[in-house]
Amino acid sequence: MRREVITDQILGTGEVPAYSFVPPNVSHYTAPNVSFADLSQDERLERAQELLQEAGYGPDNPLELMLRYNTSEDHRKVAIAVAAMWKPLGVEVELYNAEVAVHYADIRQGDFDVARAGWIGDYNDAQTF
């Protein structure tokens, strides 16, 4: 997924591309070195295709999944962008939108393949995440 496209072009409100659950510059946290962070987009796509093939997916057996998101224009834009980013890999994405209470109830029930969720730290420490 192209994090910079999502943060800079889709949302464009100052978000920082994430490589972990804990945001950068949070107290008591050192961001991990992520081996793929320095790869080019082409290298990332190539590796993703290799991993999908190893998992048994390909043109004759595409990965099909549902991406759930709760009602918000920004969430809709991100979901559409993610589906478009996964398409070149042969991933077929069905988008499913629900009001927030229904969305999180379905997630708690385990009724999802991929789902959007968010968290805001309530104090400046890695422990909150």
C-alpha atoms as a PDB file:
ATOM      1  CA  MET A   1       0.000   0.000   0.000  1.00  0.00           C
ATOM      2  CA  ARG A   2       1.278   3.447  -0.820  1.00  0.00           C
ATOM      3  CA  ARG A   3       1.104   5.178   2.538  1.00  0.00           C
ATOM      4  CA  GLU A   4       2.306   8.519   1.202  1.00  0.00           C
ATOM      5  CA  VAL A   5      -0.472   8.613  -1.390  1.00  0.00           C
ATOM      6  CA  ILE A   6      -3.050   8.072   1.349  1.00  0.00           C
ATOM      7  CA  THR A   7      -1.571  10.615   3.772  1.00  0.00           C
ATOM      8  CA  ASP A   8      -0.587  13.305   1.279  1.00  0.00           C
ATOM      9  CA  GLN A   9      -3.053  13.017  -1.604  1.00  0.00           C
ATOM     10  CA  ILE A  10      -6.171  11.238  -0.325  1.00  0.00           C
ATOM     11  CA  LEU A  11      -6.387  12.778   3.161  1.00  0.00           C
ATOM     12  CA  GLY A  12      -3.950  15.685   2.986  1.00  0.00           C
ATOM     13  CA  THR A  13      -4.498  16.919   6.540  1.00  0.00           C
ATOM     14  CA  GLY A  14      -1.059  16.347   8.045  1.00  0.00           C
ATOM     15  CA  GLU A  15      -1.112  12.602   8.741  1.00  0.00           C
ATOM     16  CA  VAL A  16       2.252  10.826   8.802  1.00  0.00           C
ATOM     17  CA  PRO A  17       2.678   7.536   6.910  1.00  0.00           C
ATOM     18  CA  ALA A  18       2.617   4.703   9.453  1.00  0.00           C
ATOM     19  CA  TYR A  19       4.833   1.642   9.676  1.00  0.00           C
ATOM     20  CA  SER A  20       3.644   0.542  13.128  1.00  0.00           C
ATOM     21  CA  PHE A  21       0.658   0.885  15.444  1.00  0.00           C
ATOM     22  CA  VAL A  22       2.428   3.478  17.580  1.00  0.00           C
ATOM     23  CA  PRO A  23       2.933   6.850  15.892  1.00  0.00           C
ATOM     24  CA  PRO A  24       6.416   8.370  15.706  1.00  0.00           C
ATOM     25  CA  ASN A  25       7.542  10.801  18.420  1.00  0.00           C
ATOM     26  CA  VAL A  26       5.494   9.160  21.188  1.00  0.00           C
ATOM     27  CA  SER A  27       7.207   8.963  24.563  1.00  0.00           C
ATOM     28  CA  HIS A  28       8.883   5.674  25.512  1.00  0.00           C
ATOM     29  CA  TYR A  29       8.811   4.390  21.939  1.00  0.00           C
ATOM     30  CA  THR A  30      11.458   3.726  19.369  1.00  0.00           C
ATOM     31  CA  ALA A  31      10.070   2.973  15.938  1.00  0.00           C
ATOM     32  CA  PRO A  32      11.194  -0.393  14.541  1.00  0.00           C
ATOM     33  CA  ASN A  33      13.332  -0.623  11.450  1.00  0.00           C
ATOM     34  CA  VAL A  34      10.964  -1.957   8.819  1.00  0.00           C
ATOM     35  CA  SER A  35      12.880  -3.780   6.100  1.00  0.00           C
ATOM     36  CA  PHE A  36      10.446  -2.878   3.308  1.00  0.00           C
ATOM     37  CA  ALA A  37      10.241   0.848   4.129  1.00  0.00           C
ATOM     38  CA  ASP A  38      13.174   1.666   1.857  1.00  0.00           C
ATOM     39  CA  LEU A  39      12.035  -0.511  -1.051  1.00  0.00           C
ATOM     40  CA  SER A  40      10.754   1.148  -4.194  1.00  0.00           C
ATOM     41  CA  GLN A  41       7.077   0.757  -5.034  1.00  0.00           C
ATOM     42  CA  ASP A  42       7.983  -1.682  -7.826  1.00  0.00           C
ATOM     43  CA  GLU A  43      10.045  -3.786  -5.384  1.00  0.00           C
ATOM     44  CA  ARG A  44       7.154  -3.806  -2.909  1.00  0.00           C
ATOM     45  CA  LEU A  45       4.685  -4.899  -5.587  1.00  0.00           C
ATOM     46  CA  GLU A  46       7.030  -7.646  -6.735  1.00  0.00           C
ATOM     47  CA  ARG A  47       7.435  -8.956  -3.179  1.00  0.00           C
ATOM     48  CA  ALA A  48       3.682  -8.776  -2.551  1.00  0.00           C
ATOM     49  CA  GLN A  49       3.042 -10.826  -5.699  1.00  0.00           C
ATOM     50  CA  GLU A  50       5.600 -13.415  -4.562  1.00  0.00           C
ATOM     51  CA  LEU A  51       3.905 -13.697  -1.166  1.00  0.00           C
ATOM     52  CA  LEU A  52       0.461 -14.045  -2.732  1.00  0.00           C
ATOM     53  CA  GLN A  53       1.756 -16.800  -5.008  1.00  0.00           C
ATOM     54  CA  GLU A  54       3.351 -18.588  -2.039  1.00  0.00           C
ATOM     55  CA  ALA A  55      -0.042 -18.436  -0.318  1.00  0.00           C
ATOM     56  CA  GLY A  56      -1.694 -20.044  -3.360  1.00  0.00           C
ATOM     57  CA  TYR A  57      -3.232 -16.972  -4.982  1.00  0.00           C
ATOM     58  CA  GLY A  58      -2.848 -15.907  -8.583  1.00  0.00           C
ATOM     59  CA  PRO A  59      -4.781 -15.332 -11.807  1.00  0.00           C
ATOM     60  CA  ASP A  60      -6.556 -18.706 -11.528  1.00  0.00           C
ATOM     61  CA  ASN A  61      -7.281 -18.260  -7.812  1.00  0.00           C
ATOM     62  CA  PRO A  62      -7.568 -14.557  -6.977  1.00  0.00           C
ATOM     63  CA  LEU A  63      -7.656 -13.406  -3.387  1.00  0.00           C
ATOM     64  CA  GLU A  64     -11.179 -12.140  -2.735  1.00  0.00           C
ATOM     65  CA  LEU A  65     -11.945 -10.184   0.399  1.00  0.00           C
ATOM     66  CA  MET A  66     -14.336  -7.732   1.956  1.00  0.00           C
ATOM     67  CA  LEU A  67     -12.972  -4.430   3.241  1.00  0.00           C
ATOM     68  CA  ARG A  68     -15.265  -2.962   5.893  1.00  0.00           C
ATOM     69  CA  TYR A  69     -15.239   0.700   6.818  1.00  0.00           C
ATOM     70  CA  ASN A  70     -17.499   2.903   8.893  1.00  0.00           C
ATOM     71  CA  THR A  71     -19.413   5.835   7.478  1.00  0.00           C
ATOM     72  CA  SER A  72     -17.185   8.831   6.809  1.00  0.00           C
ATOM     73  CA  GLU A  73     -16.153  10.481   3.566  1.00  0.00           C
ATOM     74  CA  ASP A  74     -12.460  10.120   4.444  1.00  0.00           C
ATOM     75  CA  HIS A  75     -12.883   6.429   5.307  1.00  0.00           C
ATOM     76  CA  ARG A  76     -14.681   5.886   1.990  1.00  0.00           C
ATOM     77  CA  LYS A  77     -11.873   7.603   0.067  1.00  0.00           C
ATOM     78  CA  VAL A  78      -9.207   5.512   1.800  1.00  0.00           C
ATOM     79  CA  ALA A  79     -11.148   2.270   1.211  1.00  0.00           C
ATOM     80  CA  ILE A  80     -11.504   3.053  -2.490  1.00  0.00           C
ATOM     81  CA  ALA A  81      -7.800   3.911  -2.726  1.00  0.00           C
ATOM     82  CA  VAL A  82      -6.751   0.694  -0.940  1.00  0.00           C
ATOM     83  CA  ALA A  83      -8.935  -1.408  -3.242  1.00  0.00           C
ATOM     84  CA  ALA A  84      -7.363   0.323  -6.266  1.00  0.00           C
ATOM     85  CA  MET A  85      -3.853  -0.239  -4.868  1.00  0.00           C
ATOM     86  CA  TRP A  86      -4.506  -3.957  -4.358  1.00  0.00           C
ATOM     87  CA  LYS A  87      -6.076  -4.455  -7.807  1.00  0.00           C
ATOM     88  CA  PRO A  88      -2.733  -4.733  -9.697  1.00  0.00           C
ATOM     89  CA  LEU A  89      -1.875  -7.615  -7.352  1.00  0.00           C
ATOM     90  CA  GLY A  90      -4.987  -9.473  -8.475  1.00  0.00           C
ATOM     91  CA  VAL A  91      -6.820  -8.885  -5.194  1.00  0.00           C
ATOM     92  CA  GLU A  92     -10.570  -8.519  -5.667  1.00  0.00           C
ATOM     93  CA  VAL A  93     -11.992  -6.220  -2.998  1.00  0.00           C
ATOM     94  CA  GLU A  94     -15.641  -5.782  -2.087  1.00  0.00           C
ATOM     95  CA  LEU A  95     -16.197  -2.573  -0.129  1.00  0.00           C
ATOM     96  CA  TYR A  96     -18.711  -2.687   2.702  1.00  0.00           C
ATOM     97  CA  ASN A  97     -19.835   0.431   4.559  1.00  0.00           C
ATOM     98  CA  ALA A  98     -21.783   0.508   7.823  1.00  0.00           C
ATOM     99  CA  GLU A  99     -22.723   3.053  10.451  1.00  0.00           C
ATOM    100  CA  VAL A 100     -20.126   3.126  13.252  1.00  0.00           C
ATOM    101  CA  ALA A 101     -22.066   1.107  15.883  1.00  0.00           C
ATOM    102  CA  VAL A 102     -22.885  -1.653  13.380  1.00  0.00           C
ATOM    103  CA  HIS A 103     -19.344  -1.564  11.987  1.00  0.00           C
ATOM    104  CA  TYR A 104     -17.646  -2.114  15.351  1.00  0.00           C
ATOM    105  CA  ALA A 105     -20.247  -4.695  16.445  1.00  0.00           C
ATOM    106  CA  ASP A 106     -19.466  -6.695  13.296  1.00  0.00           C
ATOM    107  CA  ILE A 107     -15.734  -6.425  13.985  1.00  0.00           C
ATOM    108  CA  ARG A 108     -16.240  -7.657  17.577  1.00  0.00           C
ATOM    109  CA  GLN A 109     -18.171 -10.631  16.131  1.00  0.00           C
ATOM    110  CA  GLY A 110     -15.256 -11.392  13.775  1.00  0.00           C
ATOM    111  CA  ASP A 111     -17.416 -10.709  10.710  1.00  0.00           C
ATOM    112  CA  PHE A 112     -14.726  -9.229   8.465  1.00  0.00           C
ATOM    113  CA  ASP A 113     -11.755 -10.011   6.245  1.00  0.00           C
ATOM    114  CA  VAL A 114     -10.153  -6.563   6.499  1.00  0.00           C
ATOM    115  CA  ALA A 115     -11.649  -3.714   8.514  1.00  0.00           C
ATOM    116  CA  ARG A 116     -10.913  -0.077   9.175  1.00  0.00           C
ATOM    117  CA  ALA A 117     -10.428   0.912  12.786  1.00  0.00           C
ATOM    118  CA  GLY A 118      -8.844   3.832  14.584  1.00  0.00           C
ATOM    119  CA  TRP A 119      -7.354   4.704  17.924  1.00  0.00           C
ATOM    120  CA  ILE A 120      -6.274   7.954  19.483  1.00  0.00           C
ATOM    121  CA  GLY A 121      -3.817   7.875  22.343  1.00  0.00           C
ATOM    122  CA  ASP A 122      -5.204   9.541  25.427  1.00  0.00           C
ATOM    123  CA  TYR A 123      -1.771  10.296  26.869  1.00  0.00           C
ATOM    124  CA  ASN A 124       1.751  10.650  25.444  1.00  0.00           C
ATOM    125  CA  ASP A 125       3.167   7.196  26.074  1.00  0.00           C
ATOM    126  CA  ALA A 126       3.548   4.097  23.909  1.00  0.00           C
ATOM    127  CA  GLN A 127       1.582   2.109  26.496  1.00  0.00           C
ATOM    128  CA  THR A 128      -1.688   3.743  25.400  1.00  0.00           C
ATOM    129  CA  PHE A 129      -1.372   2.024  22.038  1.00  0.00           C
END
